[in-house]
Amino acid sequence: MATDELLTFEELRAYLKIHKMTLWRLTQRGEIPAMKVGRSWRYSKAQIQGWLQTQSNARMRQAQVVEKAGSPIAIGSG
């Protein structure tokens, strides 16, 4: 039986190529799958890959909605 690889905070930051404060905020807000092991955060690589797919799908659906709505609305014309 294969076990899921767990990533440390720094390993995930490097994997996602994001700033440490961005990952910290996502973790603290519960916006990214994470678990606390002692005083350290760990991230399941399989869950992160699923989360990335979900994020990608949501962005694609949002782009389709904007595309169907027509041209963008100008906001704040001075």
N, C-alpha and C. Protein backbone atom coordinates (compact mmCIF):
# COMPACT_ATOMS: atom_id res chain seq x y z
N MET A 1 0.85 -1.18 0.00
CA MET A 1 0.00 0.00 0.00
C MET A 1 0.89 1.25 0.00
N ALA A 2 0.65 2.13 -0.91
CA ALA A 2 1.43 3.36 -1.01
C ALA A 2 0.94 4.36 0.03
N THR A 3 1.90 5.07 0.62
CA THR A 3 1.53 6.11 1.59
C THR A 3 1.63 7.47 0.91
N ASP A 4 0.81 8.37 1.38
CA ASP A 4 0.80 9.73 0.83
C ASP A 4 2.01 10.49 1.35
N GLU A 5 2.67 11.20 0.47
CA GLU A 5 3.82 12.00 0.85
C GLU A 5 3.36 13.26 1.58
N LEU A 6 3.99 13.53 2.73
CA LEU A 6 3.71 14.76 3.47
C LEU A 6 4.83 15.75 3.20
N LEU A 7 4.43 16.98 2.97
CA LEU A 7 5.38 18.05 2.71
C LEU A 7 5.44 18.99 3.91
N THR A 8 6.62 19.52 4.18
CA THR A 8 6.77 20.55 5.20
C THR A 8 6.34 21.89 4.61
N PHE A 9 6.25 22.89 5.45
CA PHE A 9 5.90 24.23 5.01
C PHE A 9 6.85 24.70 3.90
N GLU A 10 8.14 24.57 4.14
CA GLU A 10 9.13 25.03 3.16
C GLU A 10 9.10 24.21 1.88
N GLU A 11 8.88 22.91 1.99
CA GLU A 11 8.79 22.07 0.79
C GLU A 11 7.59 22.47 -0.06
N LEU A 12 6.45 22.73 0.60
CA LEU A 12 5.27 23.13 -0.15
C LEU A 12 5.45 24.52 -0.77
N ARG A 13 6.06 25.42 -0.02
CA ARG A 13 6.31 26.77 -0.54
C ARG A 13 7.13 26.68 -1.82
N ALA A 14 8.16 25.85 -1.80
CA ALA A 14 9.01 25.68 -2.98
C ALA A 14 8.24 24.99 -4.11
N TYR A 15 7.43 24.00 -3.78
CA TYR A 15 6.64 23.26 -4.77
C TYR A 15 5.66 24.19 -5.48
N LEU A 16 4.99 25.06 -4.71
CA LEU A 16 4.01 25.99 -5.29
C LEU A 16 4.65 27.25 -5.86
N LYS A 17 5.92 27.48 -5.50
CA LYS A 17 6.65 28.67 -5.95
C LYS A 17 5.92 29.95 -5.53
N ILE A 18 5.57 30.00 -4.24
CA ILE A 18 4.90 31.18 -3.69
C ILE A 18 5.68 31.69 -2.49
N HIS A 19 5.43 32.93 -2.13
CA HIS A 19 6.09 33.55 -0.99
C HIS A 19 5.61 32.89 0.30
N LYS A 20 6.47 32.85 1.30
CA LYS A 20 6.11 32.19 2.55
C LYS A 20 4.91 32.85 3.24
N MET A 21 4.76 34.16 3.10
CA MET A 21 3.61 34.82 3.72
C MET A 21 2.30 34.43 3.03
N THR A 22 2.35 34.19 1.73
CA THR A 22 1.16 33.75 1.00
C THR A 22 0.73 32.38 1.51
N LEU A 23 1.67 31.46 1.65
CA LEU A 23 1.35 30.13 2.15
C LEU A 23 0.88 30.22 3.60
N TRP A 24 1.51 31.06 4.40
CA TRP A 24 1.10 31.22 5.80
C TRP A 24 -0.35 31.69 5.88
N ARG A 25 -0.72 32.69 5.08
CA ARG A 25 -2.10 33.20 5.09
C ARG A 25 -3.09 32.12 4.65
N LEU A 26 -2.78 31.41 3.58
CA LEU A 26 -3.66 30.33 3.11
C LEU A 26 -3.85 29.27 4.19
N THR A 27 -2.77 28.94 4.88
CA THR A 27 -2.82 27.93 5.94
C THR A 27 -3.65 28.43 7.12
N GLN A 28 -3.37 29.63 7.58
CA GLN A 28 -4.06 30.18 8.75
C GLN A 28 -5.56 30.36 8.50
N ARG A 29 -5.92 30.69 7.29
CA ARG A 29 -7.34 30.91 6.95
C ARG A 29 -8.07 29.60 6.63
N GLY A 30 -7.32 28.50 6.58
CA GLY A 30 -7.93 27.21 6.27
C GLY A 30 -8.30 27.08 4.80
N GLU A 31 -7.65 27.86 3.94
CA GLU A 31 -7.96 27.85 2.52
C GLU A 31 -7.19 26.79 1.74
N ILE A 32 -6.25 26.14 2.41
CA ILE A 32 -5.44 25.10 1.79
C ILE A 32 -5.44 23.90 2.73
N PRO A 33 -5.53 22.68 2.22
CA PRO A 33 -5.54 21.52 3.11
C PRO A 33 -4.23 21.39 3.87
N ALA A 34 -4.33 21.34 5.20
CA ALA A 34 -3.14 21.26 6.04
C ALA A 34 -3.47 20.57 7.34
N MET A 35 -2.45 20.05 8.00
CA MET A 35 -2.63 19.45 9.32
C MET A 35 -1.46 19.86 10.21
N LYS A 36 -1.75 20.01 11.46
CA LYS A 36 -0.73 20.39 12.42
C LYS A 36 -0.16 19.11 13.04
N VAL A 37 1.14 18.98 13.03
CA VAL A 37 1.83 17.87 13.67
C VAL A 37 2.77 18.49 14.69
N GLY A 38 2.36 18.40 15.95
CA GLY A 38 3.11 19.10 16.99
C GLY A 38 2.96 20.59 16.77
N ARG A 39 4.06 21.28 16.59
CA ARG A 39 4.01 22.72 16.33
C ARG A 39 4.27 23.05 14.87
N SER A 40 4.34 22.04 14.03
CA SER A 40 4.65 22.24 12.61
C SER A 40 3.45 21.89 11.73
N TRP A 41 3.38 22.56 10.59
CA TRP A 41 2.35 22.26 9.60
C TRP A 41 2.86 21.23 8.63
N ARG A 42 1.98 20.32 8.21
CA ARG A 42 2.28 19.33 7.18
C ARG A 42 1.16 19.37 6.15
N TYR A 43 1.52 19.06 4.93
CA TYR A 43 0.59 19.13 3.81
C TYR A 43 0.67 17.84 3.02
N SER A 44 -0.47 17.21 2.78
CA SER A 44 -0.54 16.00 1.98
C SER A 44 -0.38 16.40 0.51
N LYS A 45 0.62 15.83 -0.14
CA LYS A 45 0.86 16.18 -1.54
C LYS A 45 -0.35 15.82 -2.40
N ALA A 46 -0.99 14.69 -2.13
CA ALA A 46 -2.17 14.29 -2.91
C ALA A 46 -3.31 15.29 -2.70
N GLN A 47 -3.53 15.73 -1.46
CA GLN A 47 -4.59 16.71 -1.20
C GLN A 47 -4.26 18.06 -1.83
N ILE A 48 -2.99 18.44 -1.83
CA ILE A 48 -2.59 19.71 -2.45
C ILE A 48 -2.83 19.64 -3.95
N GLN A 49 -2.51 18.51 -4.56
CA GLN A 49 -2.74 18.37 -6.00
C GLN A 49 -4.24 18.44 -6.32
N GLY A 50 -5.07 17.85 -5.48
CA GLY A 50 -6.51 17.95 -5.65
C GLY A 50 -7.00 19.37 -5.46
N TRP A 51 -6.45 20.06 -4.47
CA TRP A 51 -6.79 21.46 -4.21
C TRP A 51 -6.41 22.34 -5.40
N LEU A 52 -5.24 22.10 -5.96
CA LEU A 52 -4.80 22.86 -7.14
C LEU A 52 -5.76 22.65 -8.31
N GLN A 53 -6.19 21.42 -8.51
CA GLN A 53 -7.13 21.11 -9.59
C GLN A 53 -8.45 21.84 -9.36
N THR A 54 -8.92 21.84 -8.12
CA THR A 54 -10.17 22.54 -7.77
C THR A 54 -10.03 24.03 -8.03
N GLN A 55 -8.89 24.60 -7.65
CA GLN A 55 -8.65 26.03 -7.87
C GLN A 55 -8.65 26.35 -9.36
N SER A 56 -8.01 25.48 -10.14
CA SER A 56 -7.94 25.68 -11.59
C SER A 56 -9.33 25.60 -12.21
N ASN A 57 -10.12 24.61 -11.79
CA ASN A 57 -11.48 24.46 -12.32
C ASN A 57 -12.35 25.66 -11.98
N ALA A 58 -12.23 26.16 -10.76
CA ALA A 58 -13.02 27.32 -10.33
C ALA A 58 -12.67 28.54 -11.17
N ARG A 59 -11.39 28.74 -11.44
CA ARG A 59 -10.97 29.89 -12.25
C ARG A 59 -11.49 29.77 -13.68
N MET A 60 -11.49 28.55 -14.21
CA MET A 60 -11.99 28.34 -15.57
C MET A 60 -13.49 28.63 -15.64
N ARG A 61 -14.25 28.16 -14.64
CA ARG A 61 -15.69 28.43 -14.60
C ARG A 61 -15.95 29.92 -14.49
N GLN A 62 -15.17 30.61 -13.67
CA GLN A 62 -15.34 32.05 -13.50
C GLN A 62 -15.06 32.78 -14.81
N ALA A 63 -14.04 32.36 -15.53
CA ALA A 63 -13.71 32.99 -16.81
C ALA A 63 -14.82 32.76 -17.82
N GLN A 64 -15.44 31.59 -17.80
CA GLN A 64 -16.53 31.29 -18.71
C GLN A 64 -17.74 32.17 -18.42
N VAL A 65 -18.02 32.41 -17.15
CA VAL A 65 -19.15 33.27 -16.76
C VAL A 65 -18.91 34.69 -17.25
N VAL A 66 -17.70 35.20 -17.06
CA VAL A 66 -17.36 36.55 -17.51
C VAL A 66 -17.47 36.64 -19.02
N GLU A 67 -16.99 35.61 -19.72
CA GLU A 67 -17.03 35.59 -21.18
C GLU A 67 -18.48 35.60 -21.68
N LYS A 68 -19.36 34.85 -21.04
CA LYS A 68 -20.77 34.79 -21.45
C LYS A 68 -21.49 36.10 -21.15
N ALA A 69 -21.03 36.82 -20.12
CA ALA A 69 -21.69 38.07 -19.73
C ALA A 69 -21.42 39.19 -20.72
N GLY A 70 -20.45 39.04 -21.57
CA GLY A 70 -20.14 40.08 -22.55
C GLY A 70 -18.95 40.91 -22.13
N SER A 71 -18.90 42.13 -22.62
CA SER A 71 -17.75 42.98 -22.35
C SER A 71 -17.74 43.43 -20.89
N PRO A 72 -16.56 43.67 -20.34
CA PRO A 72 -16.45 44.10 -18.95
C PRO A 72 -17.03 45.49 -18.76
N ILE A 73 -17.49 45.76 -17.54
CA ILE A 73 -18.06 47.04 -17.19
C ILE A 73 -16.96 47.94 -16.64
N ALA A 74 -16.91 49.17 -17.12
CA ALA A 74 -15.92 50.12 -16.62
C ALA A 74 -16.38 50.64 -15.27
N ILE A 75 -15.48 50.57 -14.29
CA ILE A 75 -15.80 51.02 -12.94
C ILE A 75 -14.89 52.19 -12.58
N GLY A 76 -15.48 53.19 -11.96
CA GLY A 76 -14.70 54.31 -11.44
C GLY A 76 -14.23 55.28 -12.50
N SER A 77 -15.02 55.54 -13.51
CA SER A 77 -14.61 56.53 -14.51
C SER A 77 -14.66 57.92 -13.87
N GLY A 78 -13.63 58.70 -14.09
CA GLY A 78 -13.49 59.98 -13.40
C GLY A 78 -13.84 61.10 -14.24
